[in-house]
Amino acid sequence: MSDLLTRTAEATPKEKPSRRQRRKPKKTGTIQVWLGRAALVVIVLGGWELLVGTGSLDAQFVGQPSGVWDSLTRMLASGELVAPTLDTLWATLLALLIAVPSGILAGLVLAEVPFLDKVISPFLIPVNSLPRIAFAPLFLLWFGLTIWSKVFLAVSIVFFMMLFNTRAGVKGVQPDQLAVVKTLGLKRHEVMWKVALPSAVPSIAAGVRLSVTYSLLGVVASEMVSAKQGLGLSVVSFSNSFDINSMLAVLVVMAVIATVFGLIAEKGEQWLLRWE
């Protein structure tokens, strides 16, 4: 009898925790993560400030957190960074608007046309492996000291990233799904738009999220080589004058921009994948 009761108790499904109970570990974990992040920032900045203050590090070469903050507030108050920031942002957005759609389209074409894919694929990896910074003088020769020289340097990075991600996403469609839709009589273009492309959305969204960061990096790299204006030019100018604190302040601004772009891309990815 007792054995029967024991087995009955084991077989009885456990009561599911309430929604409030399920949320508690998530909130606790989130708080712990943010506390850990705050502690890491305090340790790094505090240790940096302490080492410079005691003379263990030379502020002329590594800067100082308090000096970086002073330079940042001064430049923000004077509006010194407004024009370079807007110029870099505009070039980054133009690069994304050109490279993301064209890269997606090229990836779809290669995935849809196997013959073309076999012809072009051997050339994609060698071309993509070339250091983009080496093309900066060439783009400068073609477009001069205009915004387009840095736009197309960033495009040369983002385009291949979106092409590879899109092609891999479309090719990753399960054969069973393709077999089912073919039995339903769907035409080739219908299979692409109704099955293959939706299945590739996670891969495309991941590519867009990476492209946001790499587009900014490409623009800044081009500005550091040669430009009339931009955050990259500001970094080089402060570095050449040994104003390390101001240079690091510009890098802080770039980090904030990259973080905001990344958060926007992440939210967009979550919206696109809301059906999963």
Protein backbone atom coordinates (compact mmCIF):
# COMPACT_ATOMS: atom_id res chain seq x y z
CA MET A 1 0.00 0.00 0.00
CA SER A 2 2.76 2.42 0.96
CA ASP A 3 4.65 1.48 -2.22
CA LEU A 4 1.55 2.30 -4.28
CA LEU A 5 1.18 5.67 -2.58
CA THR A 6 4.84 6.47 -3.21
CA ARG A 7 4.59 5.66 -6.91
CA THR A 8 1.36 7.63 -7.18
CA ALA A 9 3.03 10.67 -5.61
CA GLU A 10 5.97 10.38 -8.01
CA ALA A 11 3.65 10.12 -11.00
CA THR A 12 1.62 13.15 -9.95
CA PRO A 13 2.83 16.16 -11.96
CA LYS A 14 4.35 18.88 -9.87
CA GLU A 15 2.47 22.11 -9.62
CA LYS A 16 3.88 24.71 -11.99
CA PRO A 17 5.33 27.77 -10.29
CA SER A 18 3.36 30.94 -10.62
CA ARG A 19 4.43 33.67 -13.02
CA ARG A 20 5.66 35.79 -10.12
CA GLN A 21 7.77 32.90 -8.81
CA ARG A 22 9.29 32.32 -12.26
CA ARG A 23 10.28 35.95 -12.58
CA LYS A 24 12.17 36.18 -9.31
CA PRO A 25 15.31 34.31 -10.44
CA LYS A 26 15.38 36.38 -13.61
CA LYS A 27 15.26 39.65 -11.68
CA THR A 28 17.81 38.45 -9.17
CA GLY A 29 20.13 37.33 -11.94
CA THR A 30 19.74 40.65 -13.75
CA ILE A 31 20.58 42.60 -10.59
CA GLN A 32 23.64 40.45 -10.01
CA VAL A 33 24.81 40.98 -13.57
CA TRP A 34 24.47 44.75 -13.32
CA LEU A 35 26.21 44.79 -9.96
CA GLY A 36 29.03 42.74 -11.46
CA ARG A 37 29.34 45.16 -14.36
CA ALA A 38 29.38 48.16 -12.05
CA ALA A 39 32.02 46.53 -9.88
CA LEU A 40 34.18 45.79 -12.93
CA VAL A 41 33.98 49.40 -14.10
CA VAL A 42 34.82 50.72 -10.63
CA ILE A 43 37.78 48.34 -10.29
CA VAL A 44 39.22 49.16 -13.71
CA LEU A 45 38.74 52.93 -13.52
CA GLY A 46 39.68 53.12 -9.86
CA GLY A 47 42.81 51.04 -10.37
CA TRP A 48 43.75 53.10 -13.41
CA GLU A 49 43.29 56.38 -11.51
CA LEU A 50 45.23 55.03 -8.54
CA LEU A 51 48.18 53.82 -10.62
CA VAL A 52 48.43 57.17 -12.39
CA GLY A 53 48.04 59.08 -9.13
CA THR A 54 50.84 57.15 -7.43
CA GLY A 55 53.15 57.60 -10.43
CA SER A 56 53.19 53.93 -11.41
CA LEU A 57 51.79 54.92 -14.81
CA ASP A 58 52.58 58.06 -16.77
CA ALA A 59 49.41 60.05 -17.53
CA GLN A 60 51.10 61.51 -20.60
CA PHE A 61 51.06 58.10 -22.27
CA VAL A 62 48.03 56.32 -20.77
CA GLY A 63 45.80 59.21 -19.76
CA GLN A 64 43.75 59.37 -16.59
CA PRO A 65 40.02 58.72 -15.99
CA SER A 66 39.51 62.09 -14.33
CA GLY A 67 41.36 63.80 -17.20
CA VAL A 68 39.28 61.93 -19.78
CA TRP A 69 36.11 63.04 -18.02
CA ASP A 70 37.30 66.67 -17.94
CA SER A 71 38.16 66.57 -21.66
CA LEU A 72 34.84 64.94 -22.52
CA THR A 73 32.74 67.47 -20.60
CA ARG A 74 34.76 70.35 -22.04
CA MET A 75 34.29 69.19 -25.64
CA LEU A 76 30.62 68.48 -25.11
CA ALA A 77 30.07 71.90 -23.56
CA SER A 78 31.91 73.68 -26.39
CA GLY A 79 30.22 71.64 -29.10
CA GLU A 80 33.61 70.65 -30.49
CA LEU A 81 32.49 67.09 -31.17
CA VAL A 82 29.10 67.84 -32.72
CA ALA A 83 30.23 68.27 -36.34
CA PRO A 84 32.68 65.31 -36.36
CA THR A 85 30.10 63.06 -34.71
CA LEU A 86 27.35 63.98 -37.18
CA ASP A 87 29.72 63.47 -40.11
CA THR A 88 30.72 60.00 -38.89
CA LEU A 89 27.12 59.05 -38.15
CA TRP A 90 25.92 60.14 -41.57
CA ALA A 91 28.67 58.20 -43.34
CA THR A 92 27.89 55.11 -41.24
CA LEU A 93 24.17 55.27 -42.05
CA LEU A 94 24.86 55.74 -45.77
CA ALA A 95 27.16 52.72 -45.75
CA LEU A 96 24.48 50.60 -44.08
CA LEU A 97 21.77 51.77 -46.47
CA ILE A 98 23.93 50.80 -49.44
CA ALA A 99 25.63 47.63 -48.20
CA VAL A 100 22.87 45.83 -46.30
CA PRO A 101 20.23 45.65 -49.08
CA SER A 102 22.83 44.97 -51.81
CA GLY A 103 24.51 42.28 -49.71
CA ILE A 104 21.18 40.58 -48.99
CA LEU A 105 20.22 40.69 -52.66
CA ALA A 106 23.59 39.26 -53.75
CA GLY A 107 23.31 36.48 -51.18
CA LEU A 108 19.81 35.57 -52.38
CA VAL A 109 20.94 35.48 -56.00
CA LEU A 110 23.91 33.21 -55.24
CA ALA A 111 21.74 30.90 -53.14
CA GLU A 112 19.07 30.77 -55.84
CA VAL A 113 21.43 30.22 -58.81
CA PRO A 114 23.81 27.33 -57.98
CA PHE A 115 25.79 27.73 -61.23
CA LEU A 116 26.54 31.37 -60.48
CA ASP A 117 27.40 30.47 -56.91
CA LYS A 118 29.94 27.86 -58.06
CA VAL A 119 31.54 30.34 -60.47
CA ILE A 120 31.82 33.26 -58.02
CA SER A 121 32.36 31.53 -54.64
CA PRO A 122 36.08 30.75 -55.14
CA PHE A 123 36.74 34.48 -55.58
CA LEU A 124 34.68 35.71 -52.62
CA ILE A 125 36.93 34.49 -49.82
CA PRO A 126 40.19 35.88 -51.27
CA VAL A 127 38.59 39.24 -51.99
CA ASN A 128 36.95 39.38 -48.57
CA SER A 129 40.23 38.50 -46.84
CA LEU A 130 42.00 41.59 -48.20
CA PRO A 131 42.62 44.27 -45.53
CA ARG A 132 40.10 47.03 -46.18
CA ILE A 133 42.38 49.75 -44.86
CA ALA A 134 44.60 49.07 -47.89
CA PHE A 135 41.76 50.27 -50.12
CA ALA A 136 41.52 53.63 -48.32
CA PRO A 137 44.06 55.38 -50.62
CA LEU A 138 42.30 53.91 -53.65
CA PHE A 139 38.88 55.17 -52.55
CA LEU A 140 40.51 58.50 -51.73
CA LEU A 141 41.86 58.65 -55.27
CA TRP A 142 38.47 57.80 -56.75
CA PHE A 143 36.22 59.99 -54.58
CA GLY A 144 38.63 62.57 -53.15
CA LEU A 145 38.23 64.04 -49.67
CA THR A 146 34.47 63.51 -49.70
CA ILE A 147 32.16 61.49 -47.55
CA TRP A 148 31.96 58.79 -50.23
CA SER A 149 35.55 57.63 -49.78
CA LYS A 150 34.80 56.49 -46.23
CA VAL A 151 31.29 55.32 -47.08
CA PHE A 152 32.54 52.85 -49.67
CA LEU A 153 35.32 51.60 -47.42
CA ALA A 154 32.63 50.64 -44.91
CA VAL A 155 30.45 49.24 -47.73
CA SER A 156 33.30 46.94 -48.78
CA ILE A 157 33.18 45.38 -45.29
CA VAL A 158 29.44 45.19 -44.69
CA PHE A 159 28.52 43.98 -48.18
CA PHE A 160 30.44 40.71 -47.86
CA MET A 161 29.20 40.18 -44.33
CA MET A 162 25.57 40.38 -45.43
CA LEU A 163 26.24 38.31 -48.56
CA PHE A 164 27.75 35.41 -46.63
CA ASN A 165 25.11 35.49 -43.89
CA THR A 166 22.21 35.62 -46.34
CA ARG A 167 23.57 32.86 -48.55
CA ALA A 168 24.24 30.62 -45.54
CA GLY A 169 20.76 31.28 -44.15
CA VAL A 170 19.00 30.42 -47.41
CA LYS A 171 21.11 27.31 -47.96
CA GLY A 172 20.32 26.21 -44.41
CA VAL A 173 16.67 25.56 -45.18
CA GLN A 174 15.71 22.01 -44.25
CA PRO A 175 15.34 19.65 -47.27
CA ASP A 176 12.10 18.33 -45.77
CA GLN A 177 10.56 21.80 -45.94
CA LEU A 178 11.58 22.20 -49.58
CA ALA A 179 10.17 18.77 -50.41
CA VAL A 180 6.83 19.64 -48.82
CA VAL A 181 6.43 22.98 -50.59
CA LYS A 182 7.36 21.42 -53.92
CA THR A 183 4.61 18.86 -53.51
CA LEU A 184 2.21 21.75 -52.96
CA GLY A 185 3.07 23.08 -56.39
CA LEU A 186 4.79 26.31 -55.35
CA LYS A 187 6.85 27.98 -58.05
CA ARG A 188 10.55 28.68 -57.66
CA HIS A 189 10.19 32.35 -56.74
CA GLU A 190 7.37 31.49 -54.32
CA VAL A 191 9.61 28.99 -52.54
CA MET A 192 12.27 31.67 -52.23
CA TRP A 193 10.00 34.37 -50.81
CA LYS A 194 7.67 32.21 -48.72
CA VAL A 195 10.07 29.57 -47.36
CA ALA A 196 13.76 30.23 -47.94
CA LEU A 197 13.86 33.93 -47.11
CA PRO A 198 11.81 33.67 -43.87
CA SER A 199 14.03 30.78 -42.77
CA ALA A 200 17.10 32.94 -43.41
CA VAL A 201 15.82 35.87 -41.32
CA PRO A 202 17.75 34.86 -38.15
CA SER A 203 21.00 34.70 -40.11
CA ILE A 204 20.27 37.98 -41.88
CA ALA A 205 19.34 39.71 -38.61
CA ALA A 206 22.58 38.53 -37.01
CA GLY A 207 24.48 39.92 -39.99
CA VAL A 208 22.76 43.29 -39.67
CA ARG A 209 23.66 43.47 -35.98
CA LEU A 210 27.32 42.86 -36.79
CA SER A 211 27.20 45.20 -39.78
CA VAL A 212 26.21 48.14 -37.61
CA THR A 213 29.45 47.90 -35.64
CA TYR A 214 31.68 47.11 -38.60
CA SER A 215 30.21 49.94 -40.64
CA LEU A 216 31.20 52.40 -37.92
CA LEU A 217 34.67 50.84 -37.73
CA GLY A 218 35.13 51.12 -41.49
CA VAL A 219 34.14 54.78 -41.53
CA VAL A 220 36.41 55.66 -38.61
CA ALA A 221 39.33 53.74 -40.14
CA SER A 222 38.94 55.71 -43.38
CA GLU A 223 38.79 58.98 -41.42
CA MET A 224 42.01 58.09 -39.66
CA VAL A 225 43.76 57.71 -43.02
CA SER A 226 42.48 60.91 -44.56
CA ALA A 227 39.34 62.99 -44.15
CA LYS A 228 38.15 66.55 -43.79
CA GLN A 229 36.10 65.80 -40.72
CA GLY A 230 35.03 62.95 -38.48
CA LEU A 231 35.72 61.20 -35.19
CA GLY A 232 38.58 59.23 -36.72
CA LEU A 233 40.30 62.44 -37.74
CA SER A 234 39.79 63.79 -34.21
CA VAL A 235 41.46 60.69 -32.76
CA VAL A 236 44.50 61.15 -35.02
CA SER A 237 44.72 64.87 -34.30
CA PHE A 238 44.68 64.44 -30.52
CA SER A 239 47.08 61.52 -30.74
CA ASN A 240 49.58 63.52 -32.79
CA SER A 241 49.47 66.32 -30.21
CA PHE A 242 49.89 63.81 -27.32
CA ASP A 243 46.56 64.87 -25.86
CA ILE A 244 45.76 61.34 -24.68
CA ASN A 245 42.85 62.34 -22.47
CA SER A 246 41.04 64.06 -25.35
CA MET A 247 41.79 61.13 -27.65
CA LEU A 248 40.30 58.71 -25.14
CA ALA A 249 37.30 61.01 -24.72
CA VAL A 250 36.62 60.70 -28.47
CA LEU A 251 36.91 56.92 -28.15
CA VAL A 252 34.32 57.06 -25.36
CA VAL A 253 31.96 58.88 -27.70
CA MET A 254 32.55 56.24 -30.37
CA ALA A 255 31.89 53.48 -27.83
CA VAL A 256 28.59 55.12 -26.85
CA ILE A 257 27.55 55.40 -30.50
CA ALA A 258 28.44 51.76 -31.15
CA THR A 259 26.49 50.69 -28.05
CA VAL A 260 23.38 52.63 -29.10
CA PHE A 261 23.59 51.23 -32.62
CA GLY A 262 24.00 47.74 -31.20
CA LEU A 263 20.95 48.10 -28.95
CA ILE A 264 18.84 49.37 -31.86
CA ALA A 265 19.97 46.45 -34.02
CA GLU A 266 19.24 44.01 -31.19
CA LYS A 267 15.71 45.38 -30.74
CA GLY A 268 15.17 45.17 -34.49
CA GLU A 269 16.36 41.56 -34.47
CA GLN A 270 13.97 40.72 -31.64
CA TRP A 271 11.10 42.30 -33.59
CA LEU A 272 11.95 40.34 -36.75
CA LEU A 273 12.20 37.09 -34.79
CA ARG A 274 9.08 37.65 -32.69
CA TRP A 275 7.41 34.72 -34.47
CA GLU A 276 9.93 32.21 -33.14
